[in-house]
Protein backbone atom coordinates (compact mmCIF):
# COMPACT_ATOMS: atom_id res chain seq x y z
CA UNK A 1 0.00 0.00 0.00
CA UNK A 2 1.27 3.48 -0.82
CA UNK A 3 2.60 5.66 1.96
CA UNK A 4 0.23 8.47 2.89
CA UNK A 5 1.44 11.92 2.00
CA UNK A 6 2.36 14.36 4.71
CA UNK A 7 -0.58 16.54 3.73
CA UNK A 8 -2.99 13.63 4.22
CA UNK A 9 -1.56 12.85 7.67
CA UNK A 10 -1.86 16.49 8.74
CA UNK A 11 -5.42 16.64 7.42
CA UNK A 12 -6.34 13.56 9.47
CA UNK A 13 -4.86 15.14 12.61
CA UNK A 14 -6.79 18.35 11.99
CA UNK A 15 -10.02 16.42 11.41
CA UNK A 16 -9.48 14.40 14.58
CA UNK A 17 -8.89 17.55 16.63
CA UNK A 18 -12.00 19.18 15.19
CA UNK A 19 -14.08 16.09 15.97
CA UNK A 20 -12.88 16.03 19.57
CA UNK A 21 -13.58 19.75 19.97
CA UNK A 22 -17.06 19.28 18.51
CA UNK A 23 -17.84 16.51 21.02
CA UNK A 24 -16.69 18.73 23.89
CA UNK A 25 -18.88 21.58 22.66
CA UNK A 26 -21.90 19.28 22.47
CA UNK A 27 -21.28 18.04 26.03
CA UNK A 28 -20.99 21.61 27.34
CA UNK A 29 -24.15 22.65 25.49
CA UNK A 30 -26.04 19.67 26.90
CA UNK A 31 -24.82 20.49 30.42
CA UNK A 32 -25.86 24.12 29.97
CA UNK A 33 -29.34 23.10 28.90
CA UNK A 34 -29.67 20.79 31.89
CA UNK A 35 -28.44 23.50 34.27
CA UNK A 36 -30.98 25.97 32.86
CA UNK A 37 -33.79 23.45 33.33
CA UNK A 38 -32.72 22.78 36.93
CA UNK A 39 -32.54 26.52 37.60
CA UNK A 40 -36.07 26.97 36.25
CA UNK A 41 -37.29 24.15 38.52
CA UNK A 42 -35.63 25.77 41.54
CA UNK A 43 -37.18 29.13 40.67
CA UNK A 44 -40.63 27.51 40.57
CA UNK A 45 -40.05 25.92 43.97
CA UNK A 46 -38.94 29.27 45.41
CA UNK A 47 -42.07 30.95 44.06
CA UNK A 48 -44.25 28.24 45.59
CA UNK A 49 -42.53 28.62 48.97
CA UNK A 50 -42.90 32.40 48.75
CA UNK A 51 -46.67 32.11 48.17
CA UNK A 52 -46.93 29.61 51.02
CA UNK A 53 -45.04 31.97 53.34
CA UNK A 54 -47.29 34.88 52.38
CA UNK A 55 -50.41 32.82 53.12
CA UNK A 56 -49.01 31.71 56.47
CA UNK A 57 -48.01 35.26 57.40
CA UNK A 58 -51.48 36.49 56.47
CA UNK A 59 -53.09 33.75 58.58
CA UNK A 60 -50.89 34.55 61.57
CA UNK A 61 -51.51 38.27 61.26
CA UNK A 62 -55.25 37.61 61.10
CA UNK A 63 -55.11 35.26 64.10
CA UNK A 64 -53.19 37.75 66.26
CA UNK A 65 -55.59 40.63 65.63
PDB file of N, CA and C in Angstrom:
ATOM      1  N   UNK A   1       0.842  -1.174   0.000  1.00  0.00           N
ATOM      2  CA  UNK A   1       0.000   0.000   0.000  1.00  0.00           C
ATOM      3  C   UNK A   1       0.893   1.246   0.000  1.00  0.00           C
ATOM      4  N   UNK A   2       0.478   2.267  -0.701  1.00  0.00           N
ATOM      5  CA  UNK A   2       1.274   3.482  -0.822  1.00  0.00           C
ATOM      6  C   UNK A   2       1.308   4.231   0.506  1.00  0.00           C
ATOM      7  N   UNK A   3       2.436   4.879   0.738  1.00  0.00           N
ATOM      8  CA  UNK A   3       2.597   5.661   1.964  1.00  0.00           C
ATOM      9  C   UNK A   3       1.754   6.936   1.845  1.00  0.00           C
ATOM     10  N   UNK A   4       1.064   7.267   2.920  1.00  0.00           N
ATOM     11  CA  UNK A   4       0.227   8.468   2.885  1.00  0.00           C
ATOM     12  C   UNK A   4       1.118   9.701   2.832  1.00  0.00           C
ATOM     13  N   UNK A   5       0.667  10.680   2.108  1.00  0.00           N
ATOM     14  CA  UNK A   5       1.442  11.916   2.004  1.00  0.00           C
ATOM     15  C   UNK A   5       1.371  12.676   3.324  1.00  0.00           C
ATOM     16  N   UNK A   6       2.307  13.556   3.487  1.00  0.00           N
ATOM     17  CA  UNK A   6       2.363  14.363   4.711  1.00  0.00           C
ATOM     18  C   UNK A   6       1.101  15.218   4.843  1.00  0.00           C
ATOM     19  N   UNK A   7       0.626  15.714   3.730  1.00  0.00           N
ATOM     20  CA  UNK A   7      -0.584  16.543   3.727  1.00  0.00           C
ATOM     21  C   UNK A   7      -1.787  15.735   4.224  1.00  0.00           C
ATOM     22  N   UNK A   8      -1.890  14.488   3.788  1.00  0.00           N
ATOM     23  CA  UNK A   8      -2.990  13.633   4.219  1.00  0.00           C
ATOM     24  C   UNK A   8      -2.917  13.377   5.723  1.00  0.00           C
ATOM     25  N   UNK A   9      -1.713  13.111   6.225  1.00  0.00           N
ATOM     26  CA  UNK A   9      -1.558  12.852   7.671  1.00  0.00           C
ATOM     27  C   UNK A   9      -1.940  14.082   8.491  1.00  0.00           C
ATOM     28  N   UNK A  10      -1.520  15.245   8.041  1.00  0.00           N
ATOM     29  CA  UNK A  10      -1.857  16.490   8.744  1.00  0.00           C
ATOM     30  C   UNK A  10      -3.362  16.728   8.689  1.00  0.00           C
ATOM     31  N   UNK A  11      -3.976  16.450   7.548  1.00  0.00           N
ATOM     32  CA  UNK A  11      -5.424  16.641   7.416  1.00  0.00           C
ATOM     33  C   UNK A  11      -6.179  15.723   8.369  1.00  0.00           C
ATOM     34  N   UNK A  12      -5.699  14.500   8.533  1.00  0.00           N
ATOM     35  CA  UNK A  12      -6.335  13.564   9.467  1.00  0.00           C
ATOM     36  C   UNK A  12      -6.222  14.084  10.894  1.00  0.00           C
ATOM     37  N   UNK A  13      -5.047  14.605  11.250  1.00  0.00           N
ATOM     38  CA  UNK A  13      -4.858  15.143  12.614  1.00  0.00           C
ATOM     39  C   UNK A  13      -5.796  16.328  12.861  1.00  0.00           C
ATOM     40  N   UNK A  14      -5.908  17.183  11.855  1.00  0.00           N
ATOM     41  CA  UNK A  14      -6.793  18.347  11.992  1.00  0.00           C
ATOM     42  C   UNK A  14      -8.242  17.890  12.147  1.00  0.00           C
ATOM     43  N   UNK A  15      -8.659  16.934  11.328  1.00  0.00           N
ATOM     44  CA  UNK A  15     -10.021  16.422  11.409  1.00  0.00           C
ATOM     45  C   UNK A  15     -10.309  15.775  12.750  1.00  0.00           C
ATOM     46  N   UNK A  16      -9.327  15.035  13.269  1.00  0.00           N
ATOM     47  CA  UNK A  16      -9.481  14.399  14.577  1.00  0.00           C
ATOM     48  C   UNK A  16      -9.643  15.456  15.668  1.00  0.00           C
ATOM     49  N   UNK A  17      -8.816  16.481  15.629  1.00  0.00           N
ATOM     50  CA  UNK A  17      -8.887  17.550  16.635  1.00  0.00           C
ATOM     51  C   UNK A  17     -10.239  18.266  16.560  1.00  0.00           C
ATOM     52  N   UNK A  18     -10.708  18.510  15.343  1.00  0.00           N
ATOM     53  CA  UNK A  18     -12.005  19.182  15.193  1.00  0.00           C
ATOM     54  C   UNK A  18     -13.137  18.304  15.721  1.00  0.00           C
ATOM     55  N   UNK A  19     -13.056  17.008  15.474  1.00  0.00           N
ATOM     56  CA  UNK A  19     -14.083  16.089  15.969  1.00  0.00           C
ATOM     57  C   UNK A  19     -14.125  16.056  17.479  1.00  0.00           C
ATOM     58  N   UNK A  20     -12.936  16.028  18.107  1.00  0.00           N
ATOM     59  CA  UNK A  20     -12.882  16.027  19.575  1.00  0.00           C
ATOM     60  C   UNK A  20     -13.446  17.326  20.134  1.00  0.00           C
ATOM     61  N   UNK A  21     -13.079  18.448  19.512  1.00  0.00           N
ATOM     62  CA  UNK A  21     -13.580  19.747  19.974  1.00  0.00           C
ATOM     63  C   UNK A  21     -15.096  19.813  19.830  1.00  0.00           C
ATOM     64  N   UNK A  22     -15.615  19.273  18.736  1.00  0.00           N
ATOM     65  CA  UNK A  22     -17.060  19.278  18.508  1.00  0.00           C
ATOM     66  C   UNK A  22     -17.782  18.469  19.585  1.00  0.00           C
ATOM     67  N   UNK A  23     -17.227  17.332  19.958  1.00  0.00           N
ATOM     68  CA  UNK A  23     -17.845  16.513  21.015  1.00  0.00           C
ATOM     69  C   UNK A  23     -17.848  17.255  22.348  1.00  0.00           C
ATOM     70  N   UNK A  24     -16.756  17.948  22.648  1.00  0.00           N
ATOM     71  CA  UNK A  24     -16.686  18.731  23.893  1.00  0.00           C
ATOM     72  C   UNK A  24     -17.745  19.826  23.894  1.00  0.00           C
ATOM     73  N   UNK A  25     -17.888  20.507  22.764  1.00  0.00           N
ATOM     74  CA  UNK A  25     -18.885  21.585  22.660  1.00  0.00           C
ATOM     75  C   UNK A  25     -20.284  21.032  22.879  1.00  0.00           C
ATOM     76  N   UNK A  26     -20.574  19.877  22.301  1.00  0.00           N
ATOM     77  CA  UNK A  26     -21.896  19.276  22.470  1.00  0.00           C
ATOM     78  C   UNK A  26     -22.146  18.907  23.933  1.00  0.00           C
ATOM     79  N   UNK A  27     -21.120  18.386  24.614  1.00  0.00           N
ATOM     80  CA  UNK A  27     -21.277  18.041  26.032  1.00  0.00           C
ATOM     81  C   UNK A  27     -21.550  19.285  26.868  1.00  0.00           C
ATOM     82  N   UNK A  28     -20.808  20.362  26.591  1.00  0.00           N
ATOM     83  CA  UNK A  28     -20.992  21.610  27.339  1.00  0.00           C
ATOM     84  C   UNK A  28     -22.383  22.180  27.081  1.00  0.00           C
ATOM     85  N   UNK A  29     -22.820  22.134  25.835  1.00  0.00           N
ATOM     86  CA  UNK A  29     -24.148  22.654  25.493  1.00  0.00           C
ATOM     87  C   UNK A  29     -25.236  21.850  26.204  1.00  0.00           C
ATOM     88  N   UNK A  30     -25.066  20.527  26.229  1.00  0.00           N
ATOM     89  CA  UNK A  30     -26.039  19.668  26.900  1.00  0.00           C
ATOM     90  C   UNK A  30     -26.064  19.978  28.400  1.00  0.00           C
ATOM     91  N   UNK A  31     -24.885  20.164  28.994  1.00  0.00           N
ATOM     92  CA  UNK A  31     -24.817  20.486  30.419  1.00  0.00           C
ATOM     93  C   UNK A  31     -25.460  21.842  30.696  1.00  0.00           C
ATOM     94  N   UNK A  32     -25.252  22.802  29.808  1.00  0.00           N
ATOM     95  CA  UNK A  32     -25.855  24.124  29.975  1.00  0.00           C
ATOM     96  C   UNK A  32     -27.367  24.061  29.921  1.00  0.00           C
ATOM     97  N   UNK A  33     -27.893  23.263  29.006  1.00  0.00           N
ATOM     98  CA  UNK A  33     -29.340  23.103  28.897  1.00  0.00           C
ATOM     99  C   UNK A  33     -29.907  22.470  30.155  1.00  0.00           C
ATOM    100  N   UNK A  34     -29.218  21.460  30.664  1.00  0.00           N
ATOM    101  CA  UNK A  34     -29.668  20.791  31.888  1.00  0.00           C
ATOM    102  C   UNK A  34     -29.630  21.749  33.072  1.00  0.00           C
ATOM    103  N   UNK A  35     -28.559  22.545  33.166  1.00  0.00           N
ATOM    104  CA  UNK A  35     -28.441  23.504  34.267  1.00  0.00           C
ATOM    105  C   UNK A  35     -29.561  24.533  34.206  1.00  0.00           C
ATOM    106  N   UNK A  36     -29.902  24.984  33.001  1.00  0.00           N
ATOM    107  CA  UNK A  36     -30.983  25.968  32.862  1.00  0.00           C
ATOM    108  C   UNK A  36     -32.314  25.368  33.310  1.00  0.00           C
ATOM    109  N   UNK A  37     -32.551  24.115  32.938  1.00  0.00           N
ATOM    110  CA  UNK A  37     -33.795  23.449  33.332  1.00  0.00           C
ATOM    111  C   UNK A  37     -33.865  23.310  34.854  1.00  0.00           C
ATOM    112  N   UNK A  38     -32.748  22.920  35.471  1.00  0.00           N
ATOM    113  CA  UNK A  38     -32.719  22.783  36.929  1.00  0.00           C
ATOM    114  C   UNK A  38     -32.945  24.134  37.597  1.00  0.00           C
ATOM    115  N   UNK A  39     -32.362  25.181  37.039  1.00  0.00           N
ATOM    116  CA  UNK A  39     -32.538  26.517  37.600  1.00  0.00           C
ATOM    117  C   UNK A  39     -33.999  26.957  37.509  1.00  0.00           C
ATOM    118  N   UNK A  40     -34.648  26.644  36.396  1.00  0.00           N
ATOM    119  CA  UNK A  40     -36.074  26.970  36.251  1.00  0.00           C
ATOM    120  C   UNK A  40     -36.904  26.219  37.292  1.00  0.00           C
ATOM    121  N   UNK A  41     -36.574  24.943  37.510  1.00  0.00           N
ATOM    122  CA  UNK A  41     -37.290  24.154  38.519  1.00  0.00           C
ATOM    123  C   UNK A  41     -37.113  24.751  39.912  1.00  0.00           C
ATOM    124  N   UNK A  42     -35.897  25.168  40.231  1.00  0.00           N
ATOM    125  CA  UNK A  42     -35.627  25.772  41.543  1.00  0.00           C
ATOM    126  C   UNK A  42     -36.400  27.083  41.683  1.00  0.00           C
ATOM    127  N   UNK A  43     -36.449  27.865  40.620  1.00  0.00           N
ATOM    128  CA  UNK A  43     -37.184  29.132  40.667  1.00  0.00           C
ATOM    129  C   UNK A  43     -38.669  28.887  40.933  1.00  0.00           C
ATOM    130  N   UNK A  44     -39.225  27.849  40.322  1.00  0.00           N
ATOM    131  CA  UNK A  44     -40.632  27.510  40.566  1.00  0.00           C
ATOM    132  C   UNK A  44     -40.853  27.110  42.020  1.00  0.00           C
ATOM    133  N   UNK A  45     -39.930  26.338  42.569  1.00  0.00           N
ATOM    134  CA  UNK A  45     -40.049  25.921  43.970  1.00  0.00           C
ATOM    135  C   UNK A  45     -39.975  27.130  44.893  1.00  0.00           C
ATOM    136  N   UNK A  46     -39.076  28.060  44.585  1.00  0.00           N
ATOM    137  CA  UNK A  46     -38.937  29.267  45.407  1.00  0.00           C
ATOM    138  C   UNK A  46     -40.222  30.087  45.357  1.00  0.00           C
ATOM    139  N   UNK A  47     -40.816  30.205  44.182  1.00  0.00           N
ATOM    140  CA  UNK A  47     -42.075  30.946  44.059  1.00  0.00           C
ATOM    141  C   UNK A  47     -43.186  30.284  44.874  1.00  0.00           C
ATOM    142  N   UNK A  48     -43.239  28.960  44.829  1.00  0.00           N
ATOM    143  CA  UNK A  48     -44.254  28.235  45.593  1.00  0.00           C
ATOM    144  C   UNK A  48     -44.056  28.456  47.087  1.00  0.00           C
ATOM    145  N   UNK A  49     -42.814  28.398  47.543  1.00  0.00           N
ATOM    146  CA  UNK A  49     -42.535  28.625  48.965  1.00  0.00           C
ATOM    147  C   UNK A  49     -42.862  30.064  49.369  1.00  0.00           C
ATOM    148  N   UNK A  50     -42.599  30.990  48.475  1.00  0.00           N
ATOM    149  CA  UNK A  50     -42.896  32.399  48.746  1.00  0.00           C
ATOM    150  C   UNK A  50     -44.399  32.601  48.937  1.00  0.00           C
ATOM    151  N   UNK A  51     -45.199  32.001  48.039  1.00  0.00           N
ATOM    152  CA  UNK A  51     -46.667  32.111  48.169  1.00  0.00           C
ATOM    153  C   UNK A  51     -47.133  31.463  49.468  1.00  0.00           C
ATOM    154  N   UNK A  52     -46.555  30.313  49.792  1.00  0.00           N
ATOM    155  CA  UNK A  52     -46.929  29.613  51.018  1.00  0.00           C
ATOM    156  C   UNK A  52     -46.602  30.471  52.240  1.00  0.00           C
ATOM    157  N   UNK A  53     -45.435  31.113  52.229  1.00  0.00           N
ATOM    158  CA  UNK A  53     -45.038  31.970  53.342  1.00  0.00           C
ATOM    159  C   UNK A  53     -45.964  33.172  53.464  1.00  0.00           C
ATOM    160  N   UNK A  54     -46.373  33.738  52.345  1.00  0.00           N
ATOM    161  CA  UNK A  54     -47.288  34.876  52.379  1.00  0.00           C
ATOM    162  C   UNK A  54     -48.640  34.472  52.974  1.00  0.00           C
ATOM    163  N   UNK A  55     -49.140  33.302  52.579  1.00  0.00           N
ATOM    164  CA  UNK A  55     -50.408  32.824  53.122  1.00  0.00           C
ATOM    165  C   UNK A  55     -50.299  32.602  54.624  1.00  0.00           C
ATOM    166  N   UNK A  56     -49.199  31.982  55.040  1.00  0.00           N
ATOM    167  CA  UNK A  56     -49.007  31.712  56.471  1.00  0.00           C
ATOM    168  C   UNK A  56     -48.903  33.012  57.257  1.00  0.00           C
ATOM    169  N   UNK A  57     -48.154  33.971  56.732  1.00  0.00           N
ATOM    170  CA  UNK A  57     -48.013  35.263  57.403  1.00  0.00           C
ATOM    171  C   UNK A  57     -49.362  35.960  57.510  1.00  0.00           C
ATOM    172  N   UNK A  58     -50.152  35.879  56.455  1.00  0.00           N
ATOM    173  CA  UNK A  58     -51.475  36.494  56.470  1.00  0.00           C
ATOM    174  C   UNK A  58     -52.372  35.834  57.520  1.00  0.00           C
ATOM    175  N   UNK A  59     -52.294  34.484  57.588  1.00  0.00           N
ATOM    176  CA  UNK A  59     -53.091  33.752  58.579  1.00  0.00           C
ATOM    177  C   UNK A  59     -52.679  34.116  60.005  1.00  0.00           C
ATOM    178  N   UNK A  60     -51.368  34.203  60.238  1.00  0.00           N
ATOM    179  CA  UNK A  60     -50.887  34.547  61.571  1.00  0.00           C
ATOM    180  C   UNK A  60     -51.276  35.977  61.953  1.00  0.00           C
ATOM    181  N   UNK A  61     -51.154  36.877  60.998  1.00  0.00           N
ATOM    182  CA  UNK A  61     -51.507  38.269  61.259  1.00  0.00           C
ATOM    183  C   UNK A  61     -52.994  38.371  61.594  1.00  0.00           C
ATOM    184  N   UNK A  62     -53.809  37.628  60.880  1.00  0.00           N
ATOM    185  CA  UNK A  62     -55.247  37.615  61.098  1.00  0.00           C
ATOM    186  C   UNK A  62     -55.570  36.992  62.465  1.00  0.00           C
ATOM    187  N   UNK A  63     -54.866  35.956  62.848  1.00  0.00           N
ATOM    188  CA  UNK A  63     -55.107  35.257  64.104  1.00  0.00           C
ATOM    189  C   UNK A  63     -54.709  36.127  65.296  1.00  0.00           C
ATOM    190  N   UNK A  64     -53.667  36.942  65.146  1.00  0.00           N
ATOM    191  CA  UNK A  64     -53.190  37.755  66.256  1.00  0.00           C
ATOM    192  C   UNK A  64     -54.021  39.020  66.457  1.00  0.00           C
ATOM    193  N   UNK A  65     -54.794  39.418  65.465  1.00  0.00           N
ATOM    194  CA  UNK A  65     -55.588  40.635  65.629  1.00  0.00           C
ATOM    195  C   UNK A  65     -56.972  40.354  66.134  1.00  0.00           C
TER     196      UNK A  65
END
